[in-house]
N, C-alpha and C. Protein backbone atom coordinates (compact mmCIF):
# COMPACT_ATOMS: atom_id res chain seq x y z
N MET A 1 131.81 51.70 78.68
CA MET A 1 131.76 53.37 78.41
C MET A 1 130.36 53.82 78.13
N GLN A 2 129.30 54.47 79.03
CA GLN A 2 128.10 54.36 78.80
C GLN A 2 127.94 55.83 77.60
N ILE A 3 128.15 55.44 76.13
CA ILE A 3 127.66 56.68 75.28
C ILE A 3 126.44 57.75 75.48
N PRO A 4 127.00 59.22 75.98
CA PRO A 4 125.74 59.50 76.19
C PRO A 4 124.81 59.67 74.84
N THR A 5 123.23 60.29 75.02
CA THR A 5 122.69 60.55 73.61
C THR A 5 121.70 61.31 73.82
N ALA A 6 121.06 61.38 73.12
CA ALA A 6 120.30 62.79 73.33
C ALA A 6 119.05 62.52 74.06
N PRO A 7 118.30 63.68 74.76
CA PRO A 7 117.86 63.43 75.88
C PRO A 7 116.35 63.12 75.19
N GLY A 8 115.48 62.19 75.71
CA GLY A 8 114.38 61.30 74.91
C GLY A 8 113.06 61.79 75.39
N PRO A 9 112.18 61.76 74.83
CA PRO A 9 110.74 62.43 75.22
C PRO A 9 110.35 62.68 76.49
N ILE A 10 110.89 61.54 77.36
CA ILE A 10 110.27 61.34 79.26
C ILE A 10 111.27 62.36 79.33
N HIS A 11 112.12 62.37 79.49
CA HIS A 11 113.20 63.31 79.89
C HIS A 11 112.78 65.15 79.41
N ILE A 12 112.58 65.24 78.17
CA ILE A 12 111.97 66.64 78.12
C ILE A 12 110.78 67.20 78.71
N ALA A 13 109.98 65.39 78.75
CA ALA A 13 108.53 66.12 79.43
C ALA A 13 108.40 66.70 80.62
N THR A 14 109.30 65.65 81.53
CA THR A 14 109.75 65.65 82.47
C THR A 14 110.36 67.64 83.26
N GLN A 15 111.52 67.66 82.59
CA GLN A 15 112.07 69.08 82.24
C GLN A 15 111.52 69.70 82.48
N ALA A 16 109.89 69.96 80.92
CA ALA A 16 108.87 70.80 81.50
C ALA A 16 108.12 71.24 82.46
N LEU A 17 107.51 69.42 82.98
CA LEU A 17 106.95 70.25 83.95
C LEU A 17 107.65 70.64 85.42
N ARG A 18 108.92 69.87 85.03
CA ARG A 18 109.86 70.91 86.44
C ARG A 18 109.50 72.69 86.31
N LEU A 19 109.93 72.75 84.78
CA LEU A 19 109.90 74.21 84.71
C LEU A 19 108.76 74.63 85.46
N THR A 20 107.45 74.18 84.75
CA THR A 20 105.97 74.94 84.70
C THR A 20 105.59 74.77 86.92
N ALA A 21 106.10 74.00 87.55
CA ALA A 21 106.24 73.79 88.90
C ALA A 21 106.90 74.88 89.59
N HIS A 22 108.20 75.41 88.72
CA HIS A 22 108.61 76.13 89.32
C HIS A 22 108.19 77.49 89.07
N VAL A 23 107.96 77.52 88.00
CA VAL A 23 106.89 79.11 87.77
C VAL A 23 105.71 78.98 88.97
N ALA A 24 104.73 77.92 89.03
CA ALA A 24 104.06 78.16 89.62
C ALA A 24 104.18 78.40 90.93
N ARG A 25 105.05 78.02 91.51
CA ARG A 25 105.75 78.63 93.11
C ARG A 25 105.85 79.67 92.93
N GLU A 26 106.79 80.34 91.80
CA GLU A 26 107.22 81.65 92.00
C GLU A 26 106.00 82.32 91.69
N GLN A 27 104.62 82.24 90.96
CA GLN A 27 104.01 82.97 91.08
C GLN A 27 103.38 83.32 92.44
N ARG A 28 103.12 81.76 93.45
CA ARG A 28 102.60 82.02 94.31
C ARG A 28 103.08 83.09 95.38
N ALA A 29 104.12 82.54 95.29
CA ALA A 29 105.31 83.37 95.95
C ALA A 29 104.87 84.76 95.92
N LEU A 30 105.42 85.16 94.64
CA LEU A 30 104.77 86.70 94.73
C LEU A 30 103.58 87.26 94.86
N LYS A 31 102.76 86.64 94.71
CA LYS A 31 101.51 87.01 94.73
C LYS A 31 101.29 86.97 96.27
N ARG A 32 101.92 85.93 97.31
CA ARG A 32 101.71 86.41 98.43
C ARG A 32 102.35 87.50 99.29
N ALA A 33 103.83 87.55 98.60
CA ALA A 33 105.04 88.99 98.88
C ALA A 33 104.06 89.58 98.57
N ILE A 34 103.00 90.07 97.46
CA ILE A 34 102.16 91.63 97.11
C ILE A 34 101.54 91.75 97.97
N ARG A 35 100.38 90.87 98.35
CA ARG A 35 99.69 90.93 99.73
C ARG A 35 100.08 90.99 100.95
N LYS A 36 101.44 91.24 101.24
CA LYS A 36 101.76 92.05 102.22
C LYS A 36 102.29 93.44 102.17
N MET A 37 102.39 94.32 101.02
CA MET A 37 102.64 95.23 100.45
C MET A 37 101.69 96.55 100.82
N PRO A 38 102.41 97.41 101.46
CA PRO A 38 101.31 98.54 101.76
C PRO A 38 100.67 98.74 100.30
N ILE A 39 99.36 99.68 100.67
CA ILE A 39 98.90 99.96 99.12
C ILE A 39 98.57 101.35 99.50
N PRO A 40 99.09 102.44 98.97
CA PRO A 40 100.70 102.24 97.81
C PRO A 40 101.33 102.14 98.98
N VAL A 41 102.74 101.95 98.23
CA VAL A 41 103.79 101.56 98.63
C VAL A 41 104.27 102.75 99.05
N SER A 42 104.77 103.29 99.89
CA SER A 42 105.55 104.62 100.37
C SER A 42 107.07 104.62 99.65
N TRP A 43 108.02 105.59 99.77
CA TRP A 43 108.78 105.55 99.33
C TRP A 43 109.72 105.01 100.65
N ASP A 44 109.29 105.24 101.99
CA ASP A 44 109.82 105.10 103.06
C ASP A 44 109.89 103.90 103.48
N TRP A 45 108.65 103.08 102.62
CA TRP A 45 108.87 101.41 103.30
C TRP A 45 109.52 100.82 102.21
N ALA A 46 109.57 101.49 101.11
CA ALA A 46 110.39 101.01 100.14
C ALA A 46 111.93 100.84 99.38
N ALA A 47 112.57 102.42 100.17
CA ALA A 47 113.99 102.67 100.20
C ALA A 47 114.81 101.30 100.85
N PRO A 48 114.22 101.34 102.05
CA PRO A 48 115.57 99.87 102.47
C PRO A 48 115.32 98.78 102.19
N ARG A 49 114.30 98.45 101.27
CA ARG A 49 113.92 96.97 100.45
C ARG A 49 114.45 97.22 98.81
N LEU A 50 115.34 98.09 98.91
CA LEU A 50 115.31 98.51 96.94
C LEU A 50 116.71 98.08 96.78
N MET A 51 116.72 96.85 95.95
CA MET A 51 117.70 96.28 95.20
C MET A 51 117.94 96.76 93.96
N PRO A 52 119.35 96.69 94.12
CA PRO A 52 119.66 97.13 91.99
C PRO A 52 120.06 95.72 91.87
N LEU A 53 119.52 95.26 90.50
CA LEU A 53 119.42 93.87 89.57
C LEU A 53 119.57 94.01 88.53
N LEU A 54 120.88 93.27 87.90
CA LEU A 54 121.00 93.01 86.82
C LEU A 54 119.89 92.49 86.03
N SER A 55 120.20 93.51 84.33
CA SER A 55 118.95 93.95 83.88
C SER A 55 118.97 91.91 82.80
N GLY A 56 117.80 90.77 82.48
CA GLY A 56 118.12 90.09 81.83
C GLY A 56 117.35 90.46 80.50
N PRO A 57 117.34 89.52 80.01
CA PRO A 57 116.92 90.00 78.73
C PRO A 57 114.88 89.89 78.76
N LYS A 58 114.43 91.07 78.72
CA LYS A 58 113.17 91.16 78.71
C LYS A 58 112.31 92.49 78.05
N PHE A 59 111.77 92.11 77.30
CA PHE A 59 110.74 93.78 76.58
C PHE A 59 109.74 94.55 77.87
N ASP A 60 109.59 95.26 77.91
CA ASP A 60 108.71 96.18 78.41
C ASP A 60 107.31 96.10 78.24
N ASP A 61 105.98 96.11 79.43
CA ASP A 61 104.99 96.49 78.63
C ASP A 61 104.49 97.98 78.27
N PRO A 62 104.52 98.86 76.98
CA PRO A 62 104.45 99.57 76.66
C PRO A 62 103.96 100.70 77.93
N ASP A 63 102.70 100.16 78.36
CA ASP A 63 102.11 101.21 79.48
C ASP A 63 103.20 101.00 80.76
N LEU A 64 103.73 99.72 80.70
CA LEU A 64 104.25 100.13 82.43
C LEU A 64 106.08 99.77 82.02
N PRO A 65 105.94 100.70 81.31
CA PRO A 65 108.37 100.35 81.18
C PRO A 65 108.78 100.14 82.56
N ILE A 66 109.76 99.77 82.72
CA ILE A 66 110.60 99.40 83.81
C ILE A 66 111.68 99.90 83.72
N VAL A 67 112.07 101.09 84.96
CA VAL A 67 113.05 101.39 85.21
C VAL A 67 114.33 101.05 84.98
N ARG A 68 115.22 101.47 84.53
CA ARG A 68 116.73 100.93 84.14
C ARG A 68 117.60 101.91 84.35
N SER A 69 118.91 101.67 84.86
CA SER A 69 119.75 102.34 84.71
C SER A 69 121.05 101.87 84.12
N ALA A 70 122.00 102.74 83.68
CA ALA A 70 123.25 102.53 83.07
C ALA A 70 124.75 102.17 84.51
N THR A 71 125.33 101.82 84.53
CA THR A 71 126.33 101.30 85.27
C THR A 71 127.97 101.84 85.08
N ASN A 72 128.49 102.26 86.55
CA ASN A 72 130.09 102.52 85.85
C ASN A 72 130.63 101.02 85.06
N LEU A 73 130.24 100.14 85.61
CA LEU A 73 131.22 99.00 85.00
C LEU A 73 130.36 98.44 83.91
N GLY A 74 128.52 99.28 83.51
CA GLY A 74 128.64 98.86 82.37
C GLY A 74 127.10 98.08 82.09
N PRO A 75 127.20 96.99 82.61
CA PRO A 75 125.68 96.49 82.37
C PRO A 75 124.13 97.42 82.83
N ALA A 76 123.42 97.17 82.36
CA ALA A 76 122.22 98.39 82.82
C ALA A 76 121.61 97.30 84.20
N VAL A 77 121.01 97.81 84.69
CA VAL A 77 120.44 97.71 86.37
C VAL A 77 119.00 97.87 86.01
N GLU A 78 118.23 97.13 86.66
CA GLU A 78 116.71 97.22 86.90
C GLU A 78 116.43 97.56 88.85
N PHE A 79 115.49 97.99 89.35
CA PHE A 79 115.26 97.94 90.69
C PHE A 79 114.04 97.11 91.00
N GLY A 80 114.43 95.96 92.07
CA GLY A 80 113.86 95.18 92.68
C GLY A 80 113.30 95.44 93.98
N LEU A 81 111.94 95.54 94.69
CA LEU A 81 111.97 95.33 95.84
C LEU A 81 112.15 94.24 96.39
N ASP A 82 112.59 93.55 97.18
CA ASP A 82 113.56 92.62 97.75
C ASP A 82 112.29 92.13 99.34
N LEU A 83 111.46 91.03 98.53
CA LEU A 83 110.16 90.85 99.39
C LEU A 83 110.99 89.45 100.29
N ASN A 84 111.77 89.69 100.90
CA ASN A 84 112.35 88.11 101.37
C ASN A 84 112.61 86.63 100.34
N GLY A 85 113.55 87.63 99.23
CA GLY A 85 114.14 87.11 98.47
C GLY A 85 113.04 86.82 97.29
N ILE A 86 111.65 87.37 96.89
CA ILE A 86 110.91 88.00 95.61
C ILE A 86 111.20 89.67 95.45
N PHE A 87 111.10 89.33 93.85
CA PHE A 87 110.97 91.17 93.46
C PHE A 87 110.00 91.42 93.17
N VAL A 88 109.53 92.11 93.51
CA VAL A 88 108.65 93.29 92.99
C VAL A 88 109.55 94.41 91.85
N ILE A 89 109.17 94.93 90.41
CA ILE A 89 110.08 95.41 89.82
C ILE A 89 109.35 96.46 89.65
N VAL A 90 110.71 97.80 90.24
CA VAL A 90 110.32 99.42 90.04
C VAL A 90 110.11 99.62 88.83
N ASP A 91 108.91 99.97 88.21
CA ASP A 91 108.06 100.47 86.92
C ASP A 91 108.44 101.92 86.90
N GLN A 92 107.87 102.65 85.98
CA GLN A 92 108.46 103.92 85.68
C GLN A 92 107.33 104.94 86.48
N ALA A 93 105.96 104.40 86.89
CA ALA A 93 104.89 105.02 86.88
C ALA A 93 104.86 105.31 88.45
N VAL A 94 105.24 104.20 89.10
CA VAL A 94 106.06 103.94 90.30
C VAL A 94 106.88 105.09 90.94
N ALA A 95 108.15 105.04 90.03
CA ALA A 95 109.20 105.91 89.97
C ALA A 95 108.65 107.16 90.29
N ASN A 96 107.69 107.68 89.36
CA ASN A 96 107.01 109.21 89.26
C ASN A 96 106.49 109.41 90.40
N ARG A 97 105.85 108.71 91.07
CA ARG A 97 104.87 108.99 92.26
C ARG A 97 105.93 108.79 93.73
N TRP A 98 107.04 108.23 93.65
CA TRP A 98 107.98 108.45 94.47
C TRP A 98 109.29 109.82 94.29
N GLU A 99 108.82 109.98 92.85
CA GLU A 99 109.24 111.09 92.74
C GLU A 99 110.86 111.70 92.59
N CYS A 100 111.76 109.72 91.92
CA CYS A 100 112.54 109.53 91.91
C CYS A 100 112.79 109.04 90.65
N SER A 101 114.10 110.09 90.29
CA SER A 101 114.72 109.45 89.12
C SER A 101 115.52 108.32 89.30
N ALA A 102 116.11 107.81 87.46
CA ALA A 102 117.29 106.85 87.59
C ALA A 102 118.71 106.08 88.38
N ASP A 103 118.03 107.54 88.56
CA ASP A 103 120.10 107.95 89.12
C ASP A 103 120.24 108.29 90.57
N GLN A 104 118.87 108.84 91.40
CA GLN A 104 118.48 108.18 92.56
C GLN A 104 118.18 106.73 93.29
N LEU A 105 117.69 106.55 92.34
CA LEU A 105 117.12 104.81 92.90
C LEU A 105 118.52 103.82 92.66
N LEU A 106 119.67 104.61 91.91
CA LEU A 106 120.47 103.44 91.41
C LEU A 106 121.09 104.17 93.01
N ASP A 107 121.64 105.69 93.15
CA ASP A 107 122.61 105.52 94.61
C ASP A 107 121.75 104.82 95.92
N ARG A 108 120.04 104.65 96.20
CA ARG A 108 120.26 104.46 97.15
C ARG A 108 120.48 102.80 97.19
N GLY A 109 120.12 102.15 95.98
CA GLY A 109 120.25 100.72 95.59
C GLY A 109 121.44 100.24 95.94
N LEU A 110 122.98 100.95 95.57
CA LEU A 110 123.92 100.31 95.58
C LEU A 110 124.39 100.91 96.79
N ARG A 111 123.64 102.13 97.63
CA ARG A 111 123.48 102.14 98.98
C ARG A 111 123.33 100.60 100.01
N ASN A 112 121.92 100.02 99.90
CA ASN A 112 121.49 98.93 100.22
C ASN A 112 121.94 97.62 100.05
N LEU A 113 122.99 97.43 98.70
CA LEU A 113 123.60 96.54 98.53
C LEU A 113 124.95 96.40 99.14
N ARG A 114 125.72 97.57 99.28
CA ARG A 114 126.95 97.55 100.42
C ARG A 114 126.56 97.07 101.48
N GLU A 115 125.14 97.92 102.41
CA GLU A 115 125.01 97.82 103.48
C GLU A 115 124.60 95.93 103.75
N ARG A 116 124.02 95.33 102.16
CA ARG A 116 124.16 94.26 102.80
C ARG A 116 124.94 93.33 102.44
N ALA A 117 125.90 93.21 101.75
CA ALA A 117 126.72 92.45 101.00
C ALA A 117 127.92 92.60 102.54
N ALA A 118 127.91 93.86 103.55
CA ALA A 118 128.95 93.75 104.87
C ALA A 118 128.40 92.38 105.39
N ARG A 119 126.72 92.28 105.19
CA ARG A 119 127.02 91.00 106.19
C ARG A 119 127.19 89.55 105.90
N ILE A 120 127.44 89.01 104.36
CA ILE A 120 127.75 88.20 104.60
C ILE A 120 128.91 87.59 104.70
N ASP A 121 129.09 86.43 105.04
CA ASP A 121 130.08 85.46 105.50
C ASP A 121 131.02 85.08 104.26
N PRO A 122 132.32 85.47 104.06
CA PRO A 122 133.06 84.93 103.50
C PRO A 122 132.38 83.06 103.31
N ALA A 123 132.33 82.44 104.29
CA ALA A 123 132.53 80.90 103.93
C ALA A 123 131.40 80.89 103.31
N GLN A 124 130.14 81.48 102.79
CA GLN A 124 128.83 81.42 102.11
C GLN A 124 129.40 81.12 100.60
N VAL A 125 130.86 81.51 100.07
CA VAL A 125 131.07 81.28 98.98
C VAL A 125 131.57 79.38 98.74
N VAL A 126 131.27 79.11 98.04
CA VAL A 126 131.37 77.53 98.32
C VAL A 126 132.41 77.16 96.76
N GLY A 127 133.50 76.40 96.73
CA GLY A 127 134.28 76.00 95.84
C GLY A 127 133.74 74.64 95.25
N GLY A 128 133.68 74.32 94.03
CA GLY A 128 133.58 73.02 93.78
C GLY A 128 134.64 72.96 92.39
N VAL A 129 133.91 72.12 91.32
CA VAL A 129 134.87 71.53 90.21
C VAL A 129 133.42 71.46 89.27
N MET A 130 133.61 72.15 88.06
CA MET A 130 132.71 71.85 86.46
C MET A 130 133.49 71.66 85.82
N SER A 131 133.51 70.72 84.26
CA SER A 131 133.93 71.11 83.39
C SER A 131 135.56 70.42 83.82
N GLY A 132 135.94 70.18 84.73
CA GLY A 132 137.39 69.74 85.44
C GLY A 132 138.05 70.86 86.08
N ARG A 133 137.31 72.25 85.64
CA ARG A 133 137.90 73.31 86.38
C ARG A 133 137.21 73.58 88.63
N ARG A 134 138.48 73.85 88.68
CA ARG A 134 137.96 74.41 90.04
C ARG A 134 137.30 76.07 90.07
N ILE A 135 135.98 75.53 90.76
CA ILE A 135 135.44 77.09 90.65
C ILE A 135 134.85 77.79 92.04
N ARG A 136 134.28 79.02 92.25
CA ARG A 136 134.19 79.29 93.40
C ARG A 136 132.42 80.28 93.43
N LEU A 137 131.34 79.41 94.04
CA LEU A 137 130.69 80.57 93.73
C LEU A 137 129.68 80.96 95.20
N LEU A 138 128.73 81.75 94.70
CA LEU A 138 128.21 82.21 96.01
C LEU A 138 126.59 82.19 95.49
N ARG A 139 125.92 81.32 95.96
CA ARG A 139 124.73 80.91 95.02
C ARG A 139 123.03 80.78 95.82
N ASP A 140 122.01 81.66 95.32
CA ASP A 140 120.65 81.16 96.17
C ASP A 140 120.87 81.93 97.62
N ARG A 141 121.49 82.21 98.12
CA ARG A 141 121.81 82.84 99.17
C ARG A 141 122.56 83.67 99.49
N PRO A 142 122.21 85.25 99.12
CA PRO A 142 121.46 86.03 98.83
C PRO A 142 120.65 85.64 97.58
N ALA A 143 118.98 85.96 97.26
CA ALA A 143 118.51 85.86 96.37
C ALA A 143 118.91 86.89 94.77
N TRP A 144 119.88 88.00 95.52
CA TRP A 144 120.35 89.15 94.81
C TRP A 144 121.80 88.42 94.58
N ALA A 145 122.69 87.80 94.56
CA ALA A 145 123.96 87.05 94.43
C ALA A 145 125.01 88.19 93.53
N SER A 146 124.19 87.70 92.22
CA SER A 146 125.03 88.88 91.20
C SER A 146 125.13 90.08 91.19
N SER A 147 124.38 89.98 92.50
CA SER A 147 124.33 91.99 92.31
C SER A 147 125.59 92.78 92.68
N LEU A 148 126.08 91.78 93.60
CA LEU A 148 127.65 91.94 94.14
C LEU A 148 128.54 92.31 92.96
N ILE A 149 128.18 91.69 91.75
CA ILE A 149 129.30 92.26 91.12
C ILE A 149 129.37 93.91 90.63
N LEU A 150 128.60 94.42 91.22
CA LEU A 150 128.41 96.42 91.10
C LEU A 150 128.93 96.61 92.08
N ASP A 151 129.73 95.96 93.26
CA ASP A 151 130.40 96.72 94.16
C ASP A 151 131.46 96.06 94.38
N GLY A 152 132.67 96.52 93.37
CA GLY A 152 133.96 95.54 93.79
C GLY A 152 134.60 95.64 95.29
N GLY A 153 134.85 96.62 96.28
CA GLY A 153 134.55 95.75 97.48
C GLY A 153 134.15 95.01 97.74
N SER A 154 133.24 94.35 97.44
CA SER A 154 132.24 93.51 98.41
C SER A 154 132.89 91.83 97.35
N VAL A 155 133.36 91.97 95.77
CA VAL A 155 133.51 91.38 95.05
C VAL A 155 135.04 90.53 95.50
N THR A 156 136.00 91.42 96.09
CA THR A 156 137.50 90.78 96.46
C THR A 156 137.31 90.40 97.76
N ARG A 157 136.39 91.69 98.57
CA ARG A 157 136.46 90.61 100.08
C ARG A 157 135.77 89.12 100.13
N LEU A 158 135.01 88.82 99.30
CA LEU A 158 134.50 87.15 98.92
C LEU A 158 135.26 86.83 97.95
N PHE A 159 135.25 87.17 97.41
CA PHE A 159 136.39 85.85 96.00
C PHE A 159 137.82 86.23 96.20
N GLY A 160 138.51 87.11 96.41
CA GLY A 160 139.87 87.78 96.14
C GLY A 160 140.13 88.91 95.75
N SER A 161 141.57 88.95 95.36
CA SER A 161 141.95 90.36 94.86
C SER A 161 142.54 89.35 93.75
N HIS A 162 142.86 88.25 93.84
CA HIS A 162 143.64 88.17 93.09
C HIS A 162 143.24 87.86 91.20
N ASP A 163 143.19 87.89 90.16
CA ASP A 163 143.08 87.97 88.87
C ASP A 163 142.11 86.42 88.17
N GLN A 164 140.58 87.31 88.05
CA GLN A 164 140.06 86.32 87.64
C GLN A 164 138.98 86.24 87.04
N ILE A 165 138.47 85.01 86.26
CA ILE A 165 137.02 85.63 85.31
C ILE A 165 135.71 85.45 86.38
N LEU A 166 134.89 86.31 86.52
CA LEU A 166 133.55 86.44 87.45
C LEU A 166 132.32 86.22 86.10
N ALA A 167 131.43 85.46 86.69
CA ALA A 167 129.77 85.66 85.59
C ALA A 167 129.11 85.42 86.66
N ALA A 168 128.21 85.80 85.57
CA ALA A 168 126.29 86.35 86.88
C ALA A 168 125.68 85.16 86.22
N PRO A 169 125.59 83.96 85.97
CA PRO A 169 124.12 83.16 85.30
C PRO A 169 123.08 83.94 85.59
N THR A 170 123.03 83.70 86.76
CA THR A 170 121.19 83.98 87.02
C THR A 170 121.99 85.56 87.61
N THR A 171 120.35 85.61 88.63
CA THR A 171 120.30 87.21 89.90
C THR A 171 121.20 86.59 91.11
N ALA A 172 120.36 84.71 90.84
CA ALA A 172 121.18 84.39 92.70
C ALA A 172 122.34 84.09 92.49
N CYS A 173 123.22 84.38 91.54
CA CYS A 173 124.17 83.00 91.45
C CYS A 173 125.68 83.88 90.52
N LEU A 174 126.35 84.09 91.29
CA LEU A 174 127.61 84.74 91.09
C LEU A 174 129.17 83.73 91.01
N VAL A 175 130.06 83.57 90.07
CA VAL A 175 130.96 82.73 90.05
C VAL A 175 131.97 82.97 89.85
N SER A 176 133.20 82.67 90.15
CA SER A 176 134.69 83.09 89.89
C SER A 176 135.79 81.68 89.55
N LEU A 177 136.42 82.08 88.08
CA LEU A 177 136.85 81.13 88.04
C LEU A 177 138.46 81.34 87.33
N PRO A 178 139.22 80.38 87.45
CA PRO A 178 140.35 80.73 87.36
C PRO A 178 141.02 81.76 86.39
N ILE A 179 141.43 82.75 86.05
CA ILE A 179 141.71 83.96 85.50
C ILE A 179 142.40 83.08 83.69
N ASP A 180 143.44 81.91 83.84
CA ASP A 180 143.18 80.82 82.24
C ASP A 180 142.74 79.96 82.31
N THR A 181 141.23 80.42 82.83
CA THR A 181 140.34 79.13 81.93
C THR A 181 139.98 79.13 80.75
N PRO A 182 139.67 78.33 79.97
CA PRO A 182 139.76 79.00 78.24
C PRO A 182 138.27 79.39 78.36
N LEU A 183 138.41 80.40 77.42
CA LEU A 183 136.67 80.98 77.10
C LEU A 183 135.92 79.93 77.09
N GLN A 184 136.10 79.14 76.17
CA GLN A 184 134.76 78.56 75.41
C GLN A 184 134.62 77.53 76.68
N ILE A 185 135.55 76.96 77.65
CA ILE A 185 135.18 76.41 78.78
C ILE A 185 134.72 77.16 79.80
N ALA A 186 134.76 78.42 80.44
CA ALA A 186 134.28 79.38 81.00
C ALA A 186 133.23 79.28 80.62
N ALA A 187 132.69 79.40 79.24
CA ALA A 187 131.30 79.86 78.13
C ALA A 187 130.16 78.35 78.62
N GLU A 188 130.86 77.25 78.77
CA GLU A 188 129.93 76.17 78.91
C GLU A 188 129.86 75.45 80.52
N ILE A 189 130.32 76.41 81.24
CA ILE A 189 130.62 76.22 82.50
C ILE A 189 129.01 77.25 82.96
N VAL A 190 129.20 78.58 82.64
CA VAL A 190 128.30 79.82 82.64
C VAL A 190 126.78 78.96 82.54
N ILE A 191 127.28 78.66 81.03
CA ILE A 191 125.85 78.07 80.50
C ILE A 191 125.11 76.51 81.36
N ASP A 192 126.29 75.63 82.14
CA ASP A 192 125.45 74.50 82.68
C ASP A 192 124.08 75.31 83.90
N LEU A 193 125.03 76.41 84.67
CA LEU A 193 124.87 76.89 85.87
C LEU A 193 123.48 77.71 85.43
N GLU A 194 123.52 78.42 84.32
CA GLU A 194 122.22 79.24 83.74
C GLU A 194 120.77 79.25 84.00
N GLY A 195 120.47 77.58 84.21
CA GLY A 195 119.40 77.34 84.24
C GLY A 195 118.54 77.25 83.06
N SER A 196 117.14 77.83 83.53
CA SER A 196 115.77 77.87 82.22
C SER A 196 116.15 79.18 82.44
N ALA A 197 115.20 79.63 80.99
CA ALA A 197 115.53 80.82 79.76
C ALA A 197 115.04 82.30 81.02
N ARG A 198 113.84 81.30 81.42
CA ARG A 198 113.46 82.49 82.77
C ARG A 198 113.74 83.15 83.75
N THR A 199 114.59 82.11 84.17
CA THR A 199 115.80 83.42 85.09
C THR A 199 117.37 83.04 84.76
N SER A 200 117.96 83.22 84.15
CA SER A 200 118.86 83.45 83.29
C SER A 200 119.20 84.70 83.23
N LEU A 201 120.43 85.15 83.07
CA LEU A 201 121.04 86.73 82.37
C LEU A 201 121.32 86.53 81.52
N PHE A 202 122.27 85.60 80.87
CA PHE A 202 122.79 85.72 79.46
C PHE A 202 123.89 86.75 79.95
N LEU A 203 124.82 87.30 80.33
CA LEU A 203 125.45 88.45 80.48
C LEU A 203 126.96 87.66 79.81
N ASP A 204 127.30 88.52 79.31
CA ASP A 204 128.91 88.39 78.89
C ASP A 204 129.97 88.18 80.24
N PRO A 205 130.92 88.04 80.37
CA PRO A 205 131.97 87.13 81.60
C PRO A 205 132.21 88.65 82.18
N PHE A 206 132.09 89.13 83.12
CA PHE A 206 133.64 89.98 83.59
C PHE A 206 135.18 89.79 84.44
N VAL A 207 135.68 90.43 84.48
CA VAL A 207 137.06 89.95 84.57
C VAL A 207 137.49 91.32 85.39
N LEU A 208 138.53 90.31 86.39
CA LEU A 208 139.18 91.08 87.61
C LEU A 208 140.51 91.12 87.09
N SER A 209 141.41 91.75 86.88
CA SER A 209 142.30 92.03 86.59
C SER A 209 143.77 93.48 87.11
N ASP A 210 144.76 92.97 88.10
CA ASP A 210 144.99 93.57 88.25
C ASP A 210 144.31 95.17 89.18
N GLY A 211 143.48 93.92 89.75
CA GLY A 211 142.99 95.21 90.62
C GLY A 211 141.79 96.09 89.91
N ALA A 212 141.31 95.47 88.84
CA ALA A 212 140.26 96.39 88.08
C ALA A 212 139.17 95.39 87.89
N LEU A 213 138.40 95.48 88.38
CA LEU A 213 136.82 95.11 87.78
C LEU A 213 136.46 95.41 86.48
N ILE A 214 136.37 94.91 85.36
CA ILE A 214 136.54 95.33 83.39
C ILE A 214 135.10 94.52 82.95
N TRP A 215 134.17 94.87 82.08
CA TRP A 215 132.92 93.82 81.67
C TRP A 215 132.90 93.55 80.38
N ASP A 216 133.20 92.15 80.39
CA ASP A 216 134.04 91.18 79.03
C ASP A 216 135.20 92.20 78.15
N ALA A 217 136.22 91.71 79.35
CA ALA A 217 137.28 92.36 79.07
C ALA A 217 138.17 91.22 77.99
N ALA A 218 137.58 89.95 78.44
CA ALA A 218 138.33 88.80 77.61
C ALA A 218 137.72 88.80 76.11
N LYS A 219 136.39 89.25 75.62
CA LYS A 219 135.92 89.08 74.47
C LYS A 219 137.03 90.50 74.07
N ASP A 220 137.17 91.46 75.09
CA ASP A 220 137.71 92.90 73.58
C ASP A 220 139.27 92.40 73.49
N ASP A 221 139.83 91.72 73.98
CA ASP A 221 140.90 91.45 73.61
C ASP A 221 141.14 90.68 73.20
N LEU A 222 140.07 89.83 72.59
CA LEU A 222 139.79 88.87 71.01
C LEU A 222 139.94 89.55 70.21
N ASP A 223 138.84 90.64 70.05
CA ASP A 223 138.50 91.19 68.85
C ASP A 223 139.87 92.07 68.81
N ASP A 224 140.25 92.53 69.37
CA ASP A 224 141.43 93.31 69.34
C ASP A 224 142.73 92.17 68.77
N GLU A 225 142.88 91.45 69.21
CA GLU A 225 143.84 90.09 68.26
C GLU A 225 143.78 89.63 66.86
N GLY A 226 141.95 89.57 67.08
CA GLY A 226 141.64 89.44 65.84
C GLY A 226 141.91 91.39 64.78
N GLN A 227 142.40 92.15 64.86
CA GLN A 227 142.30 93.32 64.06
C GLN A 227 143.77 92.87 63.84
N CYS A 228 144.85 92.32 64.36
CA CYS A 228 145.96 93.21 64.22
C CYS A 228 146.29 92.20 62.83
């Protein structure tokens, strides 16, 4: 049996090169997408492309604060203009020019989300095994897969209405685990799916239980037990 060892310098250097190459590709794709945008970007052009995106850890430029909104589910969202899977994030200056509040952006973004989600074939949700546990996930296509968690109807249509743990490791990934998955194992699986710090959302899990979708319910249960 081979004993696992810590990553060596060559492995670490290879990973760093891959991340650098990925970042460079992202930047080139973003520049190409921006060149195709009309200047200035009108609301009529932007509205059908507006998508609500779960907010990952980031800090705003003081001169260009990002528009964010709270959702009924709990996590903060920001708004991206979807340019074939590349997102240009809406800042406050642009929202002011459109004369749109965060609530108005959220309303239109959720409408777009529901319309696009209705076109996803349930066969796109694939099964697999990680850490010996069976999982199902929707990944990479669409690039906003994690946003589906904001629409309970889409979640149950694609993943089923049974009790389950759901997690959003990255913007482009939504994963379902059996409800009886130990939290430590669930956390390890999600960490494995998160990838680099640039793309990870680092969100607590969601739980679908008795038809209700709740954010971080499992952790709340643990907290309650600790208070007994």
